All heavy atoms as atom14 arrays in JSON, in Angstrom:
{
  "sequence": "RHYDTVDEGLLAVISGEIDAFVHDQPILQFHQHERFTGRVRVLP",
  "atom14_mask": [
    [1, 1, 1, 1, 1, 1, 1, 1, 1, 1, 1, 0, 0, 0],
    [1, 1, 1, 1, 1, 1, 1, 1, 1, 1, 0, 0, 0, 0],
    [1, 1, 1, 1, 1, 1, 1, 1, 1, 1, 1, 1, 0, 0],
    [1, 1, 1, 1, 1, 1, 1, 1, 0, 0, 0, 0, 0, 0],
    [1, 1, 1, 1, 1, 1, 1, 0, 0, 0, 0, 0, 0, 0],
    [1, 1, 1, 1, 1, 1, 1, 0, 0, 0, 0, 0, 0, 0],
    [1, 1, 1, 1, 1, 1, 1, 1, 0, 0, 0, 0, 0, 0],
    [1, 1, 1, 1, 1, 1, 1, 1, 1, 0, 0, 0, 0, 0],
    [1, 1, 1, 1, 0, 0, 0, 0, 0, 0, 0, 0, 0, 0],
    [1, 1, 1, 1, 1, 1, 1, 1, 0, 0, 0, 0, 0, 0],
    [1, 1, 1, 1, 1, 1, 1, 1, 0, 0, 0, 0, 0, 0],
    [1, 1, 1, 1, 1, 0, 0, 0, 0, 0, 0, 0, 0, 0],
    [1, 1, 1, 1, 1, 1, 1, 0, 0, 0, 0, 0, 0, 0],
    [1, 1, 1, 1, 1, 1, 1, 1, 0, 0, 0, 0, 0, 0],
    [1, 1, 1, 1, 1, 1, 0, 0, 0, 0, 0, 0, 0, 0],
    [1, 1, 1, 1, 0, 0, 0, 0, 0, 0, 0, 0, 0, 0],
    [1, 1, 1, 1, 1, 1, 1, 1, 1, 0, 0, 0, 0, 0],
    [1, 1, 1, 1, 1, 1, 1, 1, 0, 0, 0, 0, 0, 0],
    [1, 1, 1, 1, 1, 1, 1, 1, 0, 0, 0, 0, 0, 0],
    [1, 1, 1, 1, 1, 0, 0, 0, 0, 0, 0, 0, 0, 0],
    [1, 1, 1, 1, 1, 1, 1, 1, 1, 1, 1, 0, 0, 0],
    [1, 1, 1, 1, 1, 1, 1, 0, 0, 0, 0, 0, 0, 0],
    [1, 1, 1, 1, 1, 1, 1, 1, 1, 1, 0, 0, 0, 0],
    [1, 1, 1, 1, 1, 1, 1, 1, 0, 0, 0, 0, 0, 0],
    [1, 1, 1, 1, 1, 1, 1, 1, 1, 0, 0, 0, 0, 0],
    [1, 1, 1, 1, 1, 1, 1, 0, 0, 0, 0, 0, 0, 0],
    [1, 1, 1, 1, 1, 1, 1, 1, 0, 0, 0, 0, 0, 0],
    [1, 1, 1, 1, 1, 1, 1, 1, 0, 0, 0, 0, 0, 0],
    [1, 1, 1, 1, 1, 1, 1, 1, 1, 0, 0, 0, 0, 0],
    [1, 1, 1, 1, 1, 1, 1, 1, 1, 1, 1, 0, 0, 0],
    [1, 1, 1, 1, 1, 1, 1, 1, 1, 1, 0, 0, 0, 0],
    [1, 1, 1, 1, 1, 1, 1, 1, 1, 0, 0, 0, 0, 0],
    [1, 1, 1, 1, 1, 1, 1, 1, 1, 1, 0, 0, 0, 0],
    [1, 1, 1, 1, 1, 1, 1, 1, 1, 0, 0, 0, 0, 0],
    [1, 1, 1, 1, 1, 1, 1, 1, 1, 1, 1, 0, 0, 0],
    [1, 1, 1, 1, 1, 1, 1, 1, 1, 1, 1, 0, 0, 0],
    [1, 1, 1, 1, 1, 1, 1, 0, 0, 0, 0, 0, 0, 0],
    [1, 1, 1, 1, 0, 0, 0, 0, 0, 0, 0, 0, 0, 0],
    [1, 1, 1, 1, 1, 1, 1, 1, 1, 1, 1, 0, 0, 0],
    [1, 1, 1, 1, 1, 1, 1, 0, 0, 0, 0, 0, 0, 0],
    [1, 1, 1, 1, 1, 1, 1, 1, 1, 1, 1, 0, 0, 0],
    [1, 1, 1, 1, 1, 1, 1, 0, 0, 0, 0, 0, 0, 0],
    [1, 1, 1, 1, 1, 1, 1, 1, 0, 0, 0, 0, 0, 0],
    [1, 1, 1, 1, 1, 1, 1, 0, 0, 0, 0, 0, 0, 0]
  ],
  "atom14_positions": [
    [[93.07, 40.75, -91.02], [92.59, 40.43, -92.33], [91.17, 40.31, -92.3], [90.59, 39.73, -91.49], [93.21, 39.04, -92.8], [92.91, 38.7, -94.17], [93.49, 37.3, -94.56], [94.96, 37.46, -94.5], [95.89, 36.38, -94.53], [95.38, 35.2, -94.57], [97.06, 36.66, -94.3], [0.0, 0.0, 0.0], [0.0, 0.0, 0.0], [0.0, 0.0, 0.0]],
    [[90.37, 40.92, -93.21], [89.04, 41.05, -93.32], [88.4, 39.82, -94.06], [88.87, 39.46, -95.14], [88.43, 42.36, -93.93], [87.05, 42.51, -94.0], [86.25, 42.73, -92.9], [86.12, 42.21, -94.91], [84.96, 42.81, -93.16], [84.87, 42.54, -94.5], [0.0, 0.0, 0.0], [0.0, 0.0, 0.0], [0.0, 0.0, 0.0], [0.0, 0.0, 0.0]],
    [[87.35, 39.25, -93.59], [86.51, 38.27, -94.2], [85.15, 38.68, -94.3], [84.63, 39.24, -93.4], [86.62, 36.96, -93.4], [88.03, 36.37, -93.49], [88.94, 36.64, -92.59], [88.36, 35.45, -94.5], [90.27, 36.08, -92.71], [89.74, 35.02, -94.63], [90.6, 35.26, -93.74], [91.86, 34.83, -93.74], [0.0, 0.0, 0.0], [0.0, 0.0, 0.0]],
    [[84.46, 38.37, -95.39], [83.19, 38.84, -95.71], [81.98, 38.28, -94.91], [81.03, 38.85, -94.44], [82.69, 38.79, -97.17], [83.48, 39.72, -98.03], [83.96, 40.79, -97.54], [83.83, 39.38, -99.22], [0.0, 0.0, 0.0], [0.0, 0.0, 0.0], [0.0, 0.0, 0.0], [0.0, 0.0, 0.0], [0.0, 0.0, 0.0], [0.0, 0.0, 0.0]],
    [[82.3, 36.97, -94.4], [81.41, 36.26, -93.76], [82.01, 35.37, -92.54], [83.37, 35.25, -92.53], [80.63, 35.12, -94.48], [81.59, 34.15, -94.88], [79.94, 35.73, -95.68], [0.0, 0.0, 0.0], [0.0, 0.0, 0.0], [0.0, 0.0, 0.0], [0.0, 0.0, 0.0], [0.0, 0.0, 0.0], [0.0, 0.0, 0.0], [0.0, 0.0, 0.0]],
    [[81.28, 35.03, -91.58], [81.86, 34.42, -90.45], [82.39, 33.08, -90.82], [83.44, 32.55, -90.43], [80.84, 34.18, -89.3], [81.27, 33.25, -88.19], [80.44, 35.54, -88.74], [0.0, 0.0, 0.0], [0.0, 0.0, 0.0], [0.0, 0.0, 0.0], [0.0, 0.0, 0.0], [0.0, 0.0, 0.0], [0.0, 0.0, 0.0], [0.0, 0.0, 0.0]],
    [[81.61, 32.45, -91.65], [82.07, 31.04, -92.33], [83.4, 31.14, -92.99], [84.22, 30.22, -92.86], [80.99, 30.48, -93.28], [79.79, 29.96, -92.47], [79.76, 29.87, -91.25], [78.84, 29.48, -93.23], [0.0, 0.0, 0.0], [0.0, 0.0, 0.0], [0.0, 0.0, 0.0], [0.0, 0.0, 0.0], [0.0, 0.0, 0.0], [0.0, 0.0, 0.0]],
    [[83.62, 32.2, -93.85], [84.97, 32.29, -94.49], [85.97, 32.56, -93.44], [87.06, 32.0, -93.59], [84.81, 33.66, -95.41], [84.07, 33.47, -96.67], [84.07, 34.77, -97.46], [84.81, 35.64, -97.28], [83.25, 34.75, -98.38], [0.0, 0.0, 0.0], [0.0, 0.0, 0.0], [0.0, 0.0, 0.0], [0.0, 0.0, 0.0], [0.0, 0.0, 0.0]],
    [[85.75, 33.26, -92.36], [86.79, 33.37, -91.42], [87.04, 32.08, -90.6], [88.26, 31.76, -90.35], [0.0, 0.0, 0.0], [0.0, 0.0, 0.0], [0.0, 0.0, 0.0], [0.0, 0.0, 0.0], [0.0, 0.0, 0.0], [0.0, 0.0, 0.0], [0.0, 0.0, 0.0], [0.0, 0.0, 0.0], [0.0, 0.0, 0.0], [0.0, 0.0, 0.0]],
    [[86.09, 31.34, -90.29], [86.25, 29.99, -89.61], [86.97, 29.01, -90.51], [87.75, 28.36, -90.06], [84.9, 29.57, -89.03], [84.33, 30.35, -87.93], [82.95, 29.88, -87.54], [85.22, 30.56, -86.65], [0.0, 0.0, 0.0], [0.0, 0.0, 0.0], [0.0, 0.0, 0.0], [0.0, 0.0, 0.0], [0.0, 0.0, 0.0], [0.0, 0.0, 0.0]],
    [[86.48, 29.02, -91.8], [87.26, 28.13, -92.75], [88.78, 28.49, -92.9], [89.6, 27.74, -93.01], [86.58, 28.22, -94.08], [85.22, 27.51, -94.06], [84.46, 27.73, -95.47], [85.31, 26.04, -93.97], [0.0, 0.0, 0.0], [0.0, 0.0, 0.0], [0.0, 0.0, 0.0], [0.0, 0.0, 0.0], [0.0, 0.0, 0.0], [0.0, 0.0, 0.0]],
    [[89.01, 29.89, -92.64], [90.48, 30.21, -92.83], [91.16, 29.76, -91.56], [92.39, 29.4, -91.68], [90.6, 31.79, -92.79], [0.0, 0.0, 0.0], [0.0, 0.0, 0.0], [0.0, 0.0, 0.0], [0.0, 0.0, 0.0], [0.0, 0.0, 0.0], [0.0, 0.0, 0.0], [0.0, 0.0, 0.0], [0.0, 0.0, 0.0], [0.0, 0.0, 0.0]],
    [[90.65, 29.69, -90.37], [91.23, 29.04, -89.16], [91.47, 27.61, -89.5], [92.52, 27.08, -89.2], [90.42, 29.37, -87.95], [90.93, 28.58, -86.74], [90.22, 30.78, -87.69], [0.0, 0.0, 0.0], [0.0, 0.0, 0.0], [0.0, 0.0, 0.0], [0.0, 0.0, 0.0], [0.0, 0.0, 0.0], [0.0, 0.0, 0.0], [0.0, 0.0, 0.0]],
    [[90.54, 26.88, -89.95], [90.57, 25.48, -90.14], [91.71, 25.18, -91.09], [92.47, 24.16, -90.86], [89.22, 24.9, -90.64], [88.2, 25.02, -89.48], [89.31, 23.59, -90.98], [86.72, 24.69, -89.86], [0.0, 0.0, 0.0], [0.0, 0.0, 0.0], [0.0, 0.0, 0.0], [0.0, 0.0, 0.0], [0.0, 0.0, 0.0], [0.0, 0.0, 0.0]],
    [[91.77, 25.88, -92.2], [92.75, 25.61, -93.28], [94.13, 26.09, -92.83], [95.15, 25.71, -93.45], [92.38, 26.42, -94.47], [92.56, 27.81, -94.28], [0.0, 0.0, 0.0], [0.0, 0.0, 0.0], [0.0, 0.0, 0.0], [0.0, 0.0, 0.0], [0.0, 0.0, 0.0], [0.0, 0.0, 0.0], [0.0, 0.0, 0.0], [0.0, 0.0, 0.0]],
    [[94.33, 26.84, -91.68], [95.6, 27.17, -91.15], [95.96, 28.58, -91.9], [97.12, 29.06, -91.63], [0.0, 0.0, 0.0], [0.0, 0.0, 0.0], [0.0, 0.0, 0.0], [0.0, 0.0, 0.0], [0.0, 0.0, 0.0], [0.0, 0.0, 0.0], [0.0, 0.0, 0.0], [0.0, 0.0, 0.0], [0.0, 0.0, 0.0], [0.0, 0.0, 0.0]],
    [[95.09, 29.35, -92.64], [95.42, 30.4, -93.29], [95.69, 31.57, -92.21], [96.54, 32.49, -92.38], [94.33, 30.84, -94.15], [94.42, 32.08, -94.94], [93.26, 32.45, -95.88], [92.53, 31.36, -96.31], [92.82, 33.69, -96.06], [0.0, 0.0, 0.0], [0.0, 0.0, 0.0], [0.0, 0.0, 0.0], [0.0, 0.0, 0.0], [0.0, 0.0, 0.0]],
    [[94.92, 31.55, -91.23], [95.0, 32.46, -90.09], [95.09, 31.59, -88.73], [94.62, 30.54, -88.63], [93.94, 33.44, -90.04], [92.45, 32.76, -89.89], [94.0, 34.35, -91.09], [91.4, 33.82, -89.74], [0.0, 0.0, 0.0], [0.0, 0.0, 0.0], [0.0, 0.0, 0.0], [0.0, 0.0, 0.0], [0.0, 0.0, 0.0], [0.0, 0.0, 0.0]],
    [[95.56, 32.33, -87.73], [95.66, 31.57, -86.39], [94.34, 31.76, -85.54], [94.06, 30.96, -84.76], [96.81, 32.23, -85.6], [98.1, 31.86, -86.21], [98.32, 30.82, -86.65], [99.04, 32.89, -86.19], [0.0, 0.0, 0.0], [0.0, 0.0, 0.0], [0.0, 0.0, 0.0], [0.0, 0.0, 0.0], [0.0, 0.0, 0.0], [0.0, 0.0, 0.0]],
    [[93.54, 32.94, -85.76], [92.43, 33.09, -85.01], [91.44, 34.08, -85.82], [91.99, 34.8, -86.64], [92.74, 33.71, -83.62], [0.0, 0.0, 0.0], [0.0, 0.0, 0.0], [0.0, 0.0, 0.0], [0.0, 0.0, 0.0], [0.0, 0.0, 0.0], [0.0, 0.0, 0.0], [0.0, 0.0, 0.0], [0.0, 0.0, 0.0], [0.0, 0.0, 0.0]],
    [[90.22, 33.95, -85.49], [89.3, 34.82, -86.13], [88.43, 35.52, -84.99], [87.97, 34.8, -84.1], [88.24, 33.93, -86.95], [87.18, 34.59, -87.66], [87.56, 35.52, -88.71], [85.89, 34.5, -87.25], [86.56, 36.25, -89.3], [84.92, 35.25, -87.88], [85.17, 36.19, -88.95], [0.0, 0.0, 0.0], [0.0, 0.0, 0.0], [0.0, 0.0, 0.0]],
    [[88.22, 36.77, -85.02], [87.56, 37.54, -83.98], [86.29, 37.98, -84.49], [86.13, 38.71, -85.55], [88.49, 38.67, -83.48], [87.79, 39.48, -82.54], [89.79, 38.2, -83.07], [0.0, 0.0, 0.0], [0.0, 0.0, 0.0], [0.0, 0.0, 0.0], [0.0, 0.0, 0.0], [0.0, 0.0, 0.0], [0.0, 0.0, 0.0], [0.0, 0.0, 0.0]],
    [[85.3, 37.72, -83.65], [83.82, 38.27, -84.05], [83.07, 38.25, -82.72], [83.56, 37.84, -81.67], [83.31, 37.25, -85.02], [82.16, 37.91, -85.85], [81.0, 38.25, -85.3], [82.12, 38.33, -87.1], [80.21, 38.77, -86.23], [80.87, 38.81, -87.4], [0.0, 0.0, 0.0], [0.0, 0.0, 0.0], [0.0, 0.0, 0.0], [0.0, 0.0, 0.0]],
    [[81.78, 38.53, -82.72], [80.97, 38.49, -81.64], [80.85, 37.07, -81.09], [80.49, 36.12, -81.9], [79.59, 39.09, -81.87], [79.62, 40.58, -82.22], [80.75, 41.33, -81.86], [78.64, 41.02, -82.74], [0.0, 0.0, 0.0], [0.0, 0.0, 0.0], [0.0, 0.0, 0.0], [0.0, 0.0, 0.0], [0.0, 0.0, 0.0], [0.0, 0.0, 0.0]],
    [[81.07, 36.96, -79.76], [80.98, 35.57, -79.24], [79.75, 34.73, -79.49], [79.99, 33.55, -79.97], [81.25, 35.59, -77.71], [81.47, 34.22, -77.1], [81.66, 34.26, -75.69], [81.21, 35.07, -74.99], [82.51, 33.33, -75.03], [0.0, 0.0, 0.0], [0.0, 0.0, 0.0], [0.0, 0.0, 0.0], [0.0, 0.0, 0.0], [0.0, 0.0, 0.0]],
    [[78.53, 35.24, -79.28], [77.35, 34.38, -79.49], [77.23, 33.94, -81.09], [76.86, 32.91, -81.27], [76.21, 35.3, -79.15], [76.72, 36.31, -78.2], [78.2, 36.55, -78.68], [0.0, 0.0, 0.0], [0.0, 0.0, 0.0], [0.0, 0.0, 0.0], [0.0, 0.0, 0.0], [0.0, 0.0, 0.0], [0.0, 0.0, 0.0], [0.0, 0.0, 0.0]],
    [[77.63, 34.87, -81.88], [77.66, 34.64, -83.31], [78.63, 33.42, -83.58], [78.35, 32.57, -84.34], [77.83, 35.82, -84.18], [76.6, 36.77, -84.02], [78.1, 35.43, -85.76], [76.9, 38.08, -84.57], [0.0, 0.0, 0.0], [0.0, 0.0, 0.0], [0.0, 0.0, 0.0], [0.0, 0.0, 0.0], [0.0, 0.0, 0.0], [0.0, 0.0, 0.0]],
    [[79.87, 33.53, -83.08], [80.84, 32.5, -83.28], [80.3, 31.19, -82.8], [80.47, 30.04, -83.38], [82.21, 32.89, -82.69], [82.98, 34.0, -83.37], [84.18, 34.29, -82.6], [83.34, 33.45, -84.76], [0.0, 0.0, 0.0], [0.0, 0.0, 0.0], [0.0, 0.0, 0.0], [0.0, 0.0, 0.0], [0.0, 0.0, 0.0], [0.0, 0.0, 0.0]],
    [[79.81, 31.27, -81.64], [79.29, 29.99, -80.91], [78.13, 29.49, -81.71], [77.99, 28.19, -81.93], [78.73, 30.25, -79.54], [79.82, 30.6, -78.58], [79.48, 31.1, -77.22], [78.55, 31.79, -77.08], [80.18, 30.6, -76.17], [0.0, 0.0, 0.0], [0.0, 0.0, 0.0], [0.0, 0.0, 0.0], [0.0, 0.0, 0.0], [0.0, 0.0, 0.0]],
    [[77.21, 30.22, -82.37], [76.17, 29.78, -83.17], [76.79, 28.94, -84.38], [76.4, 27.86, -84.75], [75.25, 30.8, -83.67], [74.28, 30.35, -84.61], [73.22, 29.7, -84.22], [74.37, 30.55, -85.95], [72.14, 29.16, -85.13], [73.51, 30.09, -86.85], [72.43, 29.57, -86.49], [0.0, 0.0, 0.0], [0.0, 0.0, 0.0], [0.0, 0.0, 0.0]],
    [[77.61, 29.54, -84.98], [78.29, 28.98, -86.27], [79.01, 27.75, -85.89], [79.05, 26.75, -86.61], [79.23, 30.03, -86.98], [78.53, 30.96, -87.87], [78.17, 30.89, -89.09], [77.83, 32.13, -87.36], [77.54, 31.9, -89.47], [77.24, 32.66, -88.56], [0.0, 0.0, 0.0], [0.0, 0.0, 0.0], [0.0, 0.0, 0.0], [0.0, 0.0, 0.0]],
    [[79.79, 27.77, -84.73], [80.38, 26.53, -84.31], [79.57, 25.39, -84.11], [79.73, 24.28, -84.52], [81.32, 26.84, -83.11], [81.9, 25.6, -82.45], [82.24, 25.81, -80.98], [81.59, 26.52, -80.29], [83.31, 25.04, -80.6], [0.0, 0.0, 0.0], [0.0, 0.0, 0.0], [0.0, 0.0, 0.0], [0.0, 0.0, 0.0], [0.0, 0.0, 0.0]],
    [[78.39, 25.73, -83.4], [77.48, 24.7, -83.07], [76.73, 24.25, -84.34], [76.43, 22.97, -84.59], [76.4, 25.29, -82.19], [75.17, 24.36, -81.92], [75.34, 23.19, -81.21], [73.94, 24.49, -82.17], [74.2, 22.63, -81.06], [73.28, 23.36, -81.76], [0.0, 0.0, 0.0], [0.0, 0.0, 0.0], [0.0, 0.0, 0.0], [0.0, 0.0, 0.0]],
    [[76.43, 25.11, -85.32], [75.57, 24.65, -86.5], [76.51, 24.04, -87.56], [76.12, 23.15, -88.33], [74.91, 25.95, -87.05], [73.82, 26.35, -86.35], [72.6, 25.42, -86.26], [72.27, 24.99, -87.23], [72.24, 25.16, -85.08], [0.0, 0.0, 0.0], [0.0, 0.0, 0.0], [0.0, 0.0, 0.0], [0.0, 0.0, 0.0], [0.0, 0.0, 0.0]],
    [[77.66, 24.52, -87.78], [78.55, 24.2, -88.96], [80.06, 23.59, -88.62], [80.53, 22.95, -89.44], [78.54, 25.32, -89.95], [77.32, 25.67, -90.54], [77.47, 26.82, -91.52], [76.16, 27.39, -91.83], [75.78, 28.53, -91.19], [76.31, 29.11, -90.28], [74.59, 28.93, -91.62], [0.0, 0.0, 0.0], [0.0, 0.0, 0.0], [0.0, 0.0, 0.0]],
    [[80.57, 24.02, -87.6], [81.92, 23.72, -87.29], [82.11, 22.97, -86.08], [83.21, 23.0, -85.45], [82.71, 24.94, -87.31], [82.61, 25.7, -88.58], [81.68, 26.71, -88.83], [83.46, 25.28, -89.63], [81.64, 27.44, -90.02], [83.27, 25.99, -90.86], [82.38, 27.1, -90.97], [0.0, 0.0, 0.0], [0.0, 0.0, 0.0], [0.0, 0.0, 0.0]],
    [[81.22, 22.12, -85.46], [81.39, 21.33, -84.23], [82.66, 20.5, -84.39], [82.88, 19.84, -85.29], [80.28, 20.47, -83.99], [79.04, 21.4, -83.74], [80.33, 19.72, -82.69], [0.0, 0.0, 0.0], [0.0, 0.0, 0.0], [0.0, 0.0, 0.0], [0.0, 0.0, 0.0], [0.0, 0.0, 0.0], [0.0, 0.0, 0.0], [0.0, 0.0, 0.0]],
    [[83.54, 20.5, -83.36], [84.74, 19.85, -83.32], [85.91, 20.24, -84.27], [86.86, 19.73, -84.16], [0.0, 0.0, 0.0], [0.0, 0.0, 0.0], [0.0, 0.0, 0.0], [0.0, 0.0, 0.0], [0.0, 0.0, 0.0], [0.0, 0.0, 0.0], [0.0, 0.0, 0.0], [0.0, 0.0, 0.0], [0.0, 0.0, 0.0], [0.0, 0.0, 0.0]],
    [[85.65, 21.3, -85.05], [86.56, 21.89, -85.87], [87.22, 23.17, -85.52], [88.38, 23.51, -85.86], [85.97, 21.96, -87.29], [85.44, 20.54, -87.86], [84.65, 20.71, -88.99], [85.43, 21.29, -90.27], [84.9, 21.7, -91.29], [83.56, 21.76, -91.48], [85.72, 22.24, -92.32], [0.0, 0.0, 0.0], [0.0, 0.0, 0.0], [0.0, 0.0, 0.0]],
    [[86.44, 23.85, -84.61], [87.01, 25.07, -84.11], [86.52, 25.23, -82.65], [85.56, 24.55, -82.3], [86.58, 26.4, -84.87], [86.99, 26.41, -86.29], [85.09, 26.48, -84.76], [0.0, 0.0, 0.0], [0.0, 0.0, 0.0], [0.0, 0.0, 0.0], [0.0, 0.0, 0.0], [0.0, 0.0, 0.0], [0.0, 0.0, 0.0], [0.0, 0.0, 0.0]],
    [[87.3, 26.06, -81.86], [86.98, 26.3, -80.5], [86.87, 27.71, -80.1], [87.57, 28.41, -80.59], [87.96, 25.74, -79.54], [87.62, 25.72, -78.08], [88.66, 24.92, -77.36], [90.04, 25.57, -77.37], [90.9, 25.55, -76.48], [90.71, 24.87, -75.41], [92.07, 26.14, -76.61], [0.0, 0.0, 0.0], [0.0, 0.0, 0.0], [0.0, 0.0, 0.0]],
    [[85.63, 28.11, -79.63], [85.48, 29.52, -79.26], [85.98, 29.72, -77.81], [85.39, 29.1, -76.97], [83.88, 29.98, -79.38], [83.7, 31.36, -79.0], [83.5, 29.66, -80.85], [0.0, 0.0, 0.0], [0.0, 0.0, 0.0], [0.0, 0.0, 0.0], [0.0, 0.0, 0.0], [0.0, 0.0, 0.0], [0.0, 0.0, 0.0], [0.0, 0.0, 0.0]],
    [[86.87, 30.63, -77.67], [87.38, 30.92, -76.41], [86.62, 31.91, -75.74], [86.05, 32.9, -76.31], [88.83, 31.46, -76.55], [89.96, 30.48, -77.25], [91.25, 31.19, -77.48], [89.97, 29.18, -76.51], [0.0, 0.0, 0.0], [0.0, 0.0, 0.0], [0.0, 0.0, 0.0], [0.0, 0.0, 0.0], [0.0, 0.0, 0.0], [0.0, 0.0, 0.0]],
    [[86.49, 31.88, -74.29], [85.65, 32.81, -73.63], [86.51, 34.04, -73.34], [86.76, 34.5, -72.1], [85.46, 32.18, -72.18], [86.52, 31.22, -72.15], [86.92, 30.82, -73.58], [0.0, 0.0, 0.0], [0.0, 0.0, 0.0], [0.0, 0.0, 0.0], [0.0, 0.0, 0.0], [0.0, 0.0, 0.0], [0.0, 0.0, 0.0], [0.0, 0.0, 0.0]]
  ]
}
């Protein structure tokens, strides 16, 4: 399922709409650190 922004994808994970969101690891880590700390986990 395509999302226009990383934030939209991560919000879909938080809401349970999707099980996982795939994107470049450093970008996911940046968004996790800046906006989603404690709400999502970026797997290595």
